[in-house]
PDB file of N, CA and C in Angstrom:
ATOM      1  N   MET A   1      -5.663 -17.682  -1.964  1.00  0.00           N
ATOM      2  CA  MET A   1      -5.939 -16.276  -2.217  1.00  0.00           C
ATOM      3  C   MET A   1      -7.407 -15.960  -1.977  1.00  0.00           C
ATOM      4  N   THR A   2      -7.669 -14.719  -1.673  1.00  0.00           N
ATOM      5  CA  THR A   2      -9.027 -14.230  -1.508  1.00  0.00           C
ATOM      6  C   THR A   2      -9.680 -14.125  -2.879  1.00  0.00           C
ATOM      7  N   ASP A   3     -10.951 -14.440  -2.966  1.00  0.00           N
ATOM      8  CA  ASP A   3     -11.685 -14.309  -4.221  1.00  0.00           C
ATOM      9  C   ASP A   3     -12.501 -13.026  -4.162  1.00  0.00           C
ATOM     10  N   LEU A   4     -12.084 -12.017  -4.904  1.00  0.00           N
ATOM     11  CA  LEU A   4     -12.787 -10.737  -4.872  1.00  0.00           C
ATOM     12  C   LEU A   4     -14.087 -10.764  -5.658  1.00  0.00           C
ATOM     13  N   ARG A   5     -14.324 -11.794  -6.457  1.00  0.00           N
ATOM     14  CA  ARG A   5     -15.568 -11.961  -7.210  1.00  0.00           C
ATOM     15  C   ARG A   5     -16.084 -10.656  -7.796  1.00  0.00           C
ATOM     16  N   GLY A   6     -15.343 -10.139  -8.750  1.00  0.00           N
ATOM     17  CA  GLY A   6     -15.784  -8.930  -9.443  1.00  0.00           C
ATOM     18  C   GLY A   6     -15.339  -7.639  -8.791  1.00  0.00           C
ATOM     19  N   GLY A   7     -14.497  -7.719  -7.779  1.00  0.00           N
ATOM     20  CA  GLY A   7     -14.004  -6.506  -7.136  1.00  0.00           C
ATOM     21  C   GLY A   7     -13.242  -5.652  -8.136  1.00  0.00           C
ATOM     22  N   LYS A   8     -13.346  -4.344  -7.980  1.00  0.00           N
ATOM     23  CA  LYS A   8     -12.615  -3.470  -8.891  1.00  0.00           C
ATOM     24  C   LYS A   8     -12.226  -2.172  -8.210  1.00  0.00           C
ATOM     25  N   ILE A   9     -11.268  -1.514  -8.843  1.00  0.00           N
ATOM     26  CA  ILE A   9     -10.751  -0.247  -8.350  1.00  0.00           C
ATOM     27  C   ILE A   9     -11.518   0.883  -9.027  1.00  0.00           C
ATOM     28  N   LEU A  10     -11.986   1.822  -8.231  1.00  0.00           N
ATOM     29  CA  LEU A  10     -12.713   2.981  -8.742  1.00  0.00           C
ATOM     30  C   LEU A  10     -11.946   4.256  -8.402  1.00  0.00           C
ATOM     31  N   ASN A  11     -12.042   5.237  -9.275  1.00  0.00           N
ATOM     32  CA  ASN A  11     -11.555   6.595  -8.995  1.00  0.00           C
ATOM     33  C   ASN A  11     -10.082   6.665  -8.591  1.00  0.00           C
ATOM     34  N   PHE A  12      -9.216   5.898  -9.255  1.00  0.00           N
ATOM     35  CA  PHE A  12      -7.794   5.953  -8.900  1.00  0.00           C
ATOM     36  C   PHE A  12      -7.225   7.313  -9.279  1.00  0.00           C
ATOM     37  N   LYS A  13      -6.531   7.937  -8.336  1.00  0.00           N
ATOM     38  CA  LYS A  13      -5.869   9.222  -8.576  1.00  0.00           C
ATOM     39  C   LYS A  13      -4.420   9.100  -8.140  1.00  0.00           C
ATOM     40  N   LYS A  14      -3.512   9.441  -9.055  1.00  0.00           N
ATOM     41  CA  LYS A  14      -2.094   9.435  -8.707  1.00  0.00           C
ATOM     42  C   LYS A  14      -1.814  10.597  -7.767  1.00  0.00           C
ATOM     43  N   LEU A  15      -1.061  10.313  -6.737  1.00  0.00           N
ATOM     44  CA  LEU A  15      -0.722  11.322  -5.743  1.00  0.00           C
ATOM     45  C   LEU A  15       0.599  10.909  -5.114  1.00  0.00           C
ATOM     46  N   GLN A  16       1.605  11.740  -5.244  1.00  0.00           N
ATOM     47  CA  GLN A  16       2.939  11.409  -4.741  1.00  0.00           C
ATOM     48  C   GLN A  16       3.251  12.259  -3.519  1.00  0.00           C
ATOM     49  N   LYS A  17       3.319  11.614  -2.352  1.00  0.00           N
ATOM     50  CA  LYS A  17       3.692  12.307  -1.116  1.00  0.00           C
ATOM     51  C   LYS A  17       4.255  11.267  -0.154  1.00  0.00           C
ATOM     52  N   ASN A  18       5.539  11.393   0.143  1.00  0.00           N
ATOM     53  CA  ASN A  18       6.234  10.409   0.981  1.00  0.00           C
ATOM     54  C   ASN A  18       6.048   9.014   0.380  1.00  0.00           C
ATOM     55  N   THR A  19       5.467   8.071   1.118  1.00  0.00           N
ATOM     56  CA  THR A  19       5.268   6.715   0.584  1.00  0.00           C
ATOM     57  C   THR A  19       3.995   6.599  -0.251  1.00  0.00           C
ATOM     58  N   LEU A  20       3.134   7.597  -0.188  1.00  0.00           N
ATOM     59  CA  LEU A  20       1.849   7.563  -0.893  1.00  0.00           C
ATOM     60  C   LEU A  20       2.044   7.746  -2.396  1.00  0.00           C
ATOM     61  N   HIS A  21       1.431   6.856  -3.190  1.00  0.00           N
ATOM     62  CA  HIS A  21       1.520   6.933  -4.651  1.00  0.00           C
ATOM     63  C   HIS A  21       0.162   7.075  -5.317  1.00  0.00           C
ATOM     64  N   GLY A  22      -0.913   6.910  -4.571  1.00  0.00           N
ATOM     65  CA  GLY A  22      -2.235   7.073  -5.157  1.00  0.00           C
ATOM     66  C   GLY A  22      -3.334   6.769  -4.159  1.00  0.00           C
ATOM     67  N   ILE A  23      -4.534   7.276  -4.483  1.00  0.00           N
ATOM     68  CA  ILE A  23      -5.714   6.997  -3.664  1.00  0.00           C
ATOM     69  C   ILE A  23      -6.799   6.428  -4.567  1.00  0.00           C
ATOM     70  N   PHE A  24      -7.675   5.612  -3.986  1.00  0.00           N
ATOM     71  CA  PHE A  24      -8.699   4.945  -4.780  1.00  0.00           C
ATOM     72  C   PHE A  24      -9.802   4.421  -3.873  1.00  0.00           C
ATOM     73  N   ASP A  25     -10.885   4.004  -4.518  1.00  0.00           N
ATOM     74  CA  ASP A  25     -11.971   3.314  -3.831  1.00  0.00           C
ATOM     75  C   ASP A  25     -11.954   1.868  -4.300  1.00  0.00           C
ATOM     76  N   LEU A  26     -12.279   0.950  -3.420  1.00  0.00           N
ATOM     77  CA  LEU A  26     -12.305  -0.475  -3.743  1.00  0.00           C
ATOM     78  C   LEU A  26     -13.739  -0.973  -3.654  1.00  0.00           C
ATOM     79  N   GLU A  27     -14.278  -1.399  -4.796  1.00  0.00           N
ATOM     80  CA  GLU A  27     -15.632  -1.944  -4.835  1.00  0.00           C
ATOM     81  C   GLU A  27     -15.575  -3.449  -4.588  1.00  0.00           C
ATOM     82  N   LEU A  28     -16.357  -3.912  -3.628  1.00  0.00           N
ATOM     83  CA  LEU A  28     -16.446  -5.332  -3.285  1.00  0.00           C
ATOM     84  C   LEU A  28     -17.904  -5.768  -3.435  1.00  0.00           C
ATOM     85  N   PRO A  29     -18.325  -6.101  -4.672  1.00  0.00           N
ATOM     86  CA  PRO A  29     -19.734  -6.406  -4.898  1.00  0.00           C
ATOM     87  C   PRO A  29     -20.239  -7.619  -4.118  1.00  0.00           C
ATOM     88  N   PHE A  30     -19.381  -8.601  -3.864  1.00  0.00           N
ATOM     89  CA  PHE A  30     -19.820  -9.784  -3.119  1.00  0.00           C
ATOM     90  C   PHE A  30     -20.224  -9.429  -1.694  1.00  0.00           C
ATOM     91  N   ALA A  31     -19.684  -8.316  -1.176  1.00  0.00           N
ATOM     92  CA  ALA A  31     -20.016  -7.872   0.176  1.00  0.00           C
ATOM     93  C   ALA A  31     -20.990  -6.700   0.157  1.00  0.00           C
ATOM     94  N   GLY A  32     -21.305  -6.199  -1.047  1.00  0.00           N
ATOM     95  CA  GLY A  32     -22.217  -5.068  -1.163  1.00  0.00           C
ATOM     96  C   GLY A  32     -21.640  -3.784  -0.603  1.00  0.00           C
ATOM     97  N   MET A  33     -20.325  -3.589  -0.779  1.00  0.00           N
ATOM     98  CA  MET A  33     -19.718  -2.393  -0.191  1.00  0.00           C
ATOM     99  C   MET A  33     -18.637  -1.788  -1.074  1.00  0.00           C
ATOM    100  N   ILE A  34     -18.354  -0.524  -0.792  1.00  0.00           N
ATOM    101  CA  ILE A  34     -17.245   0.200  -1.406  1.00  0.00           C
ATOM    102  C   ILE A  34     -16.399   0.757  -0.266  1.00  0.00           C
ATOM    103  N   LEU A  35     -15.117   0.431  -0.275  1.00  0.00           N
ATOM    104  CA  LEU A  35     -14.183   0.987   0.706  1.00  0.00           C
ATOM    105  C   LEU A  35     -13.570   2.234   0.088  1.00  0.00           C
ATOM    106  N   ARG A  36     -13.935   3.378   0.588  1.00  0.00           N
ATOM    107  CA  ARG A  36     -13.463   4.647   0.036  1.00  0.00           C
ATOM    108  C   ARG A  36     -12.189   5.101   0.747  1.00  0.00           C
ATOM    109  N   GLY A  37     -11.356   5.803  -0.003  1.00  0.00           N
ATOM    110  CA  GLY A  37     -10.166   6.399   0.592  1.00  0.00           C
ATOM    111  C   GLY A  37      -9.029   5.438   0.858  1.00  0.00           C
ATOM    112  N   CYS A  38      -8.922   4.380   0.063  1.00  0.00           N
ATOM    113  CA  CYS A  38      -7.792   3.459   0.200  1.00  0.00           C
ATOM    114  C   CYS A  38      -6.563   4.094  -0.456  1.00  0.00           C
ATOM    115  N   CYS A  39      -5.383   3.667  -0.050  1.00  0.00           N
ATOM    116  CA  CYS A  39      -4.141   4.278  -0.534  1.00  0.00           C
ATOM    117  C   CYS A  39      -3.158   3.219  -1.018  1.00  0.00           C
ATOM    118  N   LEU A  40      -2.413   3.574  -2.058  1.00  0.00           N
ATOM    119  CA  LEU A  40      -1.298   2.753  -2.516  1.00  0.00           C
ATOM    120  C   LEU A  40      -0.021   3.385  -1.991  1.00  0.00           C
ATOM    121  N   HIS A  41       0.775   2.601  -1.281  1.00  0.00           N
ATOM    122  CA  HIS A  41       2.045   3.070  -0.730  1.00  0.00           C
ATOM    123  C   HIS A  41       3.192   2.269  -1.325  1.00  0.00           C
ATOM    124  N   GLU A  42       4.369   2.900  -1.376  1.00  0.00           N
ATOM    125  CA  GLU A  42       5.581   2.204  -1.811  1.00  0.00           C
ATOM    126  C   GLU A  42       6.777   2.779  -1.079  1.00  0.00           C
ATOM    127  N   LYS A  43       7.647   1.869  -0.631  1.00  0.00           N
ATOM    128  CA  LYS A  43       8.885   2.282   0.025  1.00  0.00           C
ATOM    129  C   LYS A  43       9.907   1.172  -0.164  1.00  0.00           C
ATOM    130  N   GLU A  44      11.086   1.560  -0.618  1.00  0.00           N
ATOM    131  CA  GLU A  44      12.198   0.628  -0.801  1.00  0.00           C
ATOM    132  C   GLU A  44      11.788  -0.590  -1.629  1.00  0.00           C
ATOM    133  N   GLY A  45      11.025  -0.340  -2.699  1.00  0.00           N
ATOM    134  CA  GLY A  45      10.620  -1.401  -3.612  1.00  0.00           C
ATOM    135  C   GLY A  45       9.452  -2.253  -3.146  1.00  0.00           C
ATOM    136  N   LYS A  46       8.911  -1.979  -1.980  1.00  0.00           N
ATOM    137  CA  LYS A  46       7.764  -2.734  -1.468  1.00  0.00           C
ATOM    138  C   LYS A  46       6.507  -1.888  -1.598  1.00  0.00           C
ATOM    139  N   ARG A  47       5.431  -2.526  -2.051  1.00  0.00           N
ATOM    140  CA  ARG A  47       4.145  -1.838  -2.205  1.00  0.00           C
ATOM    141  C   ARG A  47       3.122  -2.475  -1.283  1.00  0.00           C
ATOM    142  N   TRP A  48       2.216  -1.635  -0.775  1.00  0.00           N
ATOM    143  CA  TRP A  48       1.143  -2.148   0.064  1.00  0.00           C
ATOM    144  C   TRP A  48      -0.052  -1.211  -0.013  1.00  0.00           C
ATOM    145  N   ILE A  49      -1.193  -1.751   0.400  1.00  0.00           N
ATOM    146  CA  ILE A  49      -2.440  -1.000   0.421  1.00  0.00           C
ATOM    147  C   ILE A  49      -2.675  -0.487   1.834  1.00  0.00           C
ATOM    148  N   GLY A  50      -2.982   0.786   1.928  1.00  0.00           N
ATOM    149  CA  GLY A  50      -3.403   1.371   3.193  1.00  0.00           C
ATOM    150  C   GLY A  50      -4.913   1.535   3.151  1.00  0.00           C
ATOM    151  N   TRP A  51      -5.608   0.909   4.076  1.00  0.00           N
ATOM    152  CA  TRP A  51      -7.068   1.015   4.105  1.00  0.00           C
ATOM    153  C   TRP A  51      -7.458   2.365   4.667  1.00  0.00           C
ATOM    154  N   ASN A  52      -8.708   2.728   4.472  1.00  0.00           N
ATOM    155  CA  ASN A  52      -9.132   4.053   4.915  1.00  0.00           C
ATOM    156  C   ASN A  52      -8.863   4.220   6.415  1.00  0.00           C
ATOM    157  N   ALA A  53      -8.401   5.418   6.753  1.00  0.00           N
ATOM    158  CA  ALA A  53      -7.974   5.700   8.123  1.00  0.00           C
ATOM    159  C   ALA A  53      -8.278   7.155   8.456  1.00  0.00           C
ATOM    160  N   LYS A  54      -8.237   7.448   9.737  1.00  0.00           N
ATOM    161  CA  LYS A  54      -8.445   8.831  10.172  1.00  0.00           C
ATOM    162  C   LYS A  54      -7.273   9.253  11.054  1.00  0.00           C
ATOM    163  N   PRO A  55      -6.905  10.528  10.963  1.00  0.00           N
ATOM    164  CA  PRO A  55      -5.776  11.001  11.768  1.00  0.00           C
ATOM    165  C   PRO A  55      -6.190  11.223  13.223  1.00  0.00           C
ATOM    166  N   TYR A  56      -5.219  11.094  14.091  1.00  0.00           N
ATOM    167  CA  TYR A  56      -5.420  11.451  15.495  1.00  0.00           C
ATOM    168  C   TYR A  56      -4.092  11.910  16.073  1.00  0.00           C
ATOM    169  N   GLU A  57      -4.155  12.596  17.178  1.00  0.00           N
ATOM    170  CA  GLU A  57      -2.954  13.098  17.824  1.00  0.00           C
ATOM    171  C   GLU A  57      -2.607  12.213  19.013  1.00  0.00           C
ATOM    172  N   LYS A  58      -1.371  11.730  19.028  1.00  0.00           N
ATOM    173  CA  LYS A  58      -0.901  10.908  20.143  1.00  0.00           C
ATOM    174  C   LYS A  58      -0.685  11.784  21.377  1.00  0.00           C
ATOM    175  N   GLN A  59      -0.502  11.148  22.511  1.00  0.00           N
ATOM    176  CA  GLN A  59      -0.288  11.895  23.756  1.00  0.00           C
ATOM    177  C   GLN A  59       0.952  12.777  23.697  1.00  0.00           C
ATOM    178  N   ASP A  60       1.955  12.362  22.894  1.00  0.00           N
ATOM    179  CA  ASP A  60       3.176  13.166  22.792  1.00  0.00           C
ATOM    180  C   ASP A  60       3.043  14.301  21.776  1.00  0.00           C
ATOM    181  N   GLY A  61       1.841  14.452  21.179  1.00  0.00           N
ATOM    182  CA  GLY A  61       1.591  15.546  20.244  1.00  0.00           C
ATOM    183  C   GLY A  61       1.854  15.215  18.785  1.00  0.00           C
ATOM    184  N   THR A  62       2.394  14.037  18.497  1.00  0.00           N
ATOM    185  CA  THR A  62       2.649  13.663  17.107  1.00  0.00           C
ATOM    186  C   THR A  62       1.371  13.124  16.463  1.00  0.00           C
ATOM    187  N   LYS A  63       1.330  13.234  15.136  1.00  0.00           N
ATOM    188  CA  LYS A  63       0.169  12.777  14.378  1.00  0.00           C
ATOM    189  C   LYS A  63       0.345  11.310  14.005  1.00  0.00           C
ATOM    190  N   SER A  64      -0.730  10.561  14.101  1.00  0.00           N
ATOM    191  CA  SER A  64      -0.726   9.167  13.682  1.00  0.00           C
ATOM    192  C   SER A  64      -2.055   8.867  12.993  1.00  0.00           C
ATOM    193  N   TRP A  65      -2.207   7.635  12.521  1.00  0.00           N
ATOM    194  CA  TRP A  65      -3.414   7.244  11.790  1.00  0.00           C
ATOM    195  C   TRP A  65      -4.022   6.004  12.416  1.00  0.00           C
ATOM    196  N   GLU A  66      -5.350   5.990  12.475  1.00  0.00           N
ATOM    197  CA  GLU A  66      -6.096   4.853  12.999  1.00  0.00           C
ATOM    198  C   GLU A  66      -6.961   4.292  11.875  1.00  0.00           C
ATOM    199  N   ASN A  67      -6.825   2.980  11.624  1.00  0.00           N
ATOM    200  CA  ASN A  67      -7.630   2.356  10.579  1.00  0.00           C
ATOM    201  C   ASN A  67      -9.112   2.432  10.920  1.00  0.00           C
ATOM    202  N   ILE A  68      -9.910   2.738   9.907  1.00  0.00           N
ATOM    203  CA  ILE A  68     -11.364   2.701  10.052  1.00  0.00           C
ATOM    204  C   ILE A  68     -11.850   1.287   9.744  1.00  0.00           C
ATOM    205  N   VAL A  69     -11.225   0.674   8.744  1.00  0.00           N
ATOM    206  CA  VAL A  69     -11.518  -0.708   8.359  1.00  0.00           C
ATOM    207  C   VAL A  69     -10.224  -1.493   8.506  1.00  0.00           C
ATOM    208  N   ASP A  70     -10.310  -2.692   9.050  1.00  0.00           N
ATOM    209  CA  ASP A  70      -9.108  -3.498   9.218  1.00  0.00           C
ATOM    210  C   ASP A  70      -9.473  -4.975   9.167  1.00  0.00           C
ATOM    211  N   SER A  71      -8.479  -5.814   8.975  1.00  0.00           N
ATOM    212  CA  SER A  71      -8.665  -7.265   9.004  1.00  0.00           C
ATOM    213  C   SER A  71      -8.535  -7.739  10.447  1.00  0.00           C
ATOM    214  N   TYR A  72      -9.179  -8.843  10.744  1.00  0.00           N
ATOM    215  CA  TYR A  72      -9.114  -9.342  12.116  1.00  0.00           C
ATOM    216  C   TYR A  72      -7.856 -10.140  12.400  1.00  0.00           C
ATOM    217  N   ASP A  73      -7.095 -10.501  11.345  1.00  0.00           N
ATOM    218  CA  ASP A  73      -5.798 -11.141  11.573  1.00  0.00           C
ATOM    219  C   ASP A  73      -4.870 -10.838  10.396  1.00  0.00           C
ATOM    220  N   ASN A  74      -3.569 -11.032  10.610  1.00  0.00           N
ATOM    221  CA  ASN A  74      -2.579 -10.703   9.581  1.00  0.00           C
ATOM    222  C   ASN A  74      -2.708 -11.580   8.343  1.00  0.00           C
ATOM    223  N   LYS A  75      -3.069 -12.843   8.512  1.00  0.00           N
ATOM    224  CA  LYS A  75      -3.213 -13.731   7.359  1.00  0.00           C
ATOM    225  C   LYS A  75      -4.278 -13.194   6.404  1.00  0.00           C
ATOM    226  N   SER A  76      -5.424 -12.812   6.938  1.00  0.00           N
ATOM    227  CA  SER A  76      -6.497 -12.253   6.108  1.00  0.00           C
ATOM    228  C   SER A  76      -6.053 -10.963   5.432  1.00  0.00           C
ATOM    229  N   LYS A  77      -5.349 -10.124   6.176  1.00  0.00           N
ATOM    230  CA  LYS A  77      -4.879  -8.849   5.639  1.00  0.00           C
ATOM    231  C   LYS A  77      -3.943  -9.067   4.452  1.00  0.00           C
ATOM    232  N   TYR A  78      -2.990  -9.980   4.597  1.00  0.00           N
ATOM    233  CA  TYR A  78      -2.023 -10.214   3.524  1.00  0.00           C
ATOM    234  C   TYR A  78      -2.654 -10.899   2.319  1.00  0.00           C
ATOM    235  N   LEU A  79      -3.604 -11.796   2.547  1.00  0.00           N
ATOM    236  CA  LEU A  79      -4.301 -12.432   1.429  1.00  0.00           C
ATOM    237  C   LEU A  79      -5.081 -11.398   0.622  1.00  0.00           C
ATOM    238  N   LEU A  80      -5.755 -10.489   1.305  1.00  0.00           N
ATOM    239  CA  LEU A  80      -6.502  -9.440   0.608  1.00  0.00           C
ATOM    240  C   LEU A  80      -5.548  -8.507  -0.134  1.00  0.00           C
ATOM    241  N   GLN A  81      -4.431  -8.166   0.490  1.00  0.00           N
ATOM    242  CA  GLN A  81      -3.426  -7.323  -0.168  1.00  0.00           C
ATOM    243  C   GLN A  81      -2.947  -7.973  -1.468  1.00  0.00           C
ATOM    244  N   GLU A  82      -2.666  -9.269  -1.425  1.00  0.00           N
ATOM    245  CA  GLU A  82      -2.189  -9.986  -2.612  1.00  0.00           C
ATOM    246  C   GLU A  82      -3.206  -9.945  -3.745  1.00  0.00           C
ATOM    247  N   GLU A  83      -4.468  -9.964  -3.408  1.00  0.00           N
ATOM    248  CA  GLU A  83      -5.531  -9.955  -4.412  1.00  0.00           C
ATOM    249  C   GLU A  83      -5.776  -8.547  -4.957  1.00  0.00           C
ATOM    250  N   VAL A  84      -5.721  -7.555  -4.096  1.00  0.00           N
ATOM    251  CA  VAL A  84      -6.061  -6.186  -4.485  1.00  0.00           C
ATOM    252  C   VAL A  84      -4.908  -5.485  -5.200  1.00  0.00           C
ATOM    253  N   LEU A  85      -3.686  -5.728  -4.784  1.00  0.00           N
ATOM    254  CA  LEU A  85      -2.542  -4.990  -5.329  1.00  0.00           C
ATOM    255  C   LEU A  85      -2.444  -5.051  -6.858  1.00  0.00           C
ATOM    256  N   PRO A  86      -2.600  -6.211  -7.509  1.00  0.00           N
ATOM    257  CA  PRO A  86      -2.546  -6.209  -8.977  1.00  0.00           C
ATOM    258  C   PRO A  86      -3.644  -5.350  -9.619  1.00  0.00           C
ATOM    259  N   LEU A  87      -4.829  -5.319  -9.013  1.00  0.00           N
ATOM    260  CA  LEU A  87      -5.912  -4.476  -9.530  1.00  0.00           C
ATOM    261  C   LEU A  87      -5.541  -2.997  -9.416  1.00  0.00           C
ATOM    262  N   VAL A  88      -4.930  -2.636  -8.303  1.00  0.00           N
ATOM    263  CA  VAL A  88      -4.531  -1.244  -8.077  1.00  0.00           C
ATOM    264  C   VAL A  88      -3.430  -0.837  -9.056  1.00  0.00           C
ATOM    265  N   LEU A  89      -2.459  -1.710  -9.260  1.00  0.00           N
ATOM    266  CA  LEU A  89      -1.366  -1.388 -10.180  1.00  0.00           C
ATOM    267  C   LEU A  89      -1.873  -1.232 -11.608  1.00  0.00           C
ATOM    268  N   ALA A  90      -2.842  -2.050 -12.003  1.00  0.00           N
ATOM    269  CA  ALA A  90      -3.439  -1.911 -13.335  1.00  0.00           C
ATOM    270  C   ALA A  90      -4.185  -0.585 -13.449  1.00  0.00           C
ATOM    271  N   ALA A  91      -4.918  -0.208 -12.407  1.00  0.00           N
ATOM    272  CA  ALA A  91      -5.642   1.068 -12.417  1.00  0.00           C
ATOM    273  C   ALA A  91      -4.666   2.240 -12.455  1.00  0.00           C
ATOM    274  N   MET A  92      -3.549   2.117 -11.751  1.00  0.00           N
ATOM    275  CA  MET A  92      -2.547   3.178 -11.744  1.00  0.00           C
ATOM    276  C   MET A  92      -1.948   3.353 -13.137  1.00  0.00           C
ATOM    277  N   ALA A  93      -1.696   2.249 -13.834  1.00  0.00           N
ATOM    278  CA  ALA A  93      -1.117   2.317 -15.180  1.00  0.00           C
ATOM    279  C   ALA A  93      -2.061   3.007 -16.160  1.00  0.00           C
ATOM    280  N   GLU A  94      -3.360   2.889 -15.932  1.00  0.00           N
ATOM    281  CA  GLU A  94      -4.356   3.485 -16.825  1.00  0.00           C
ATOM    282  C   GLU A  94      -4.742   4.907 -16.430  1.00  0.00           C
ATOM    283  N   ALA A  95      -4.396   5.321 -15.221  1.00  0.00           N
ATOM    284  CA  ALA A  95      -4.820   6.633 -14.714  1.00  0.00           C
ATOM    285  C   ALA A  95      -4.041   7.758 -15.390  1.00  0.00           C
ATOM    286  N   PRO A  96      -4.726   8.875 -15.660  1.00  0.00           N
ATOM    287  CA  PRO A  96      -4.004  10.034 -16.199  1.00  0.00           C
ATOM    288  C   PRO A  96      -3.054  10.597 -15.150  1.00  0.00           C
ATOM    289  N   ARG A  97      -2.061  11.308 -15.610  1.00  0.00           N
ATOM    290  CA  ARG A  97      -1.070  11.899 -14.692  1.00  0.00           C
ATOM    291  C   ARG A  97      -1.675  12.905 -13.803  1.00  0.00           C
TER     292      ARG A  97
END
């Protein structure tokens, strides 16, 4: 597992829209950074973190999202997800409605 070394969830806000269940900032003190605009998603009993992203329009006119921050491989992405998700769920449980 990834060692977040003091990482924490900031500013969790519950927000229900499609798969989106909340937005938050992730503080990573070991890296000296805060990832703003992260999202908690859930669908069919599966939960995952959506990193900050920006919308763009595809050539066919449909809207899509492009990650601003991403992992360089799937293994790193899933390890970070495993570490962050329990922190996010705890923050969600404590957040006001």
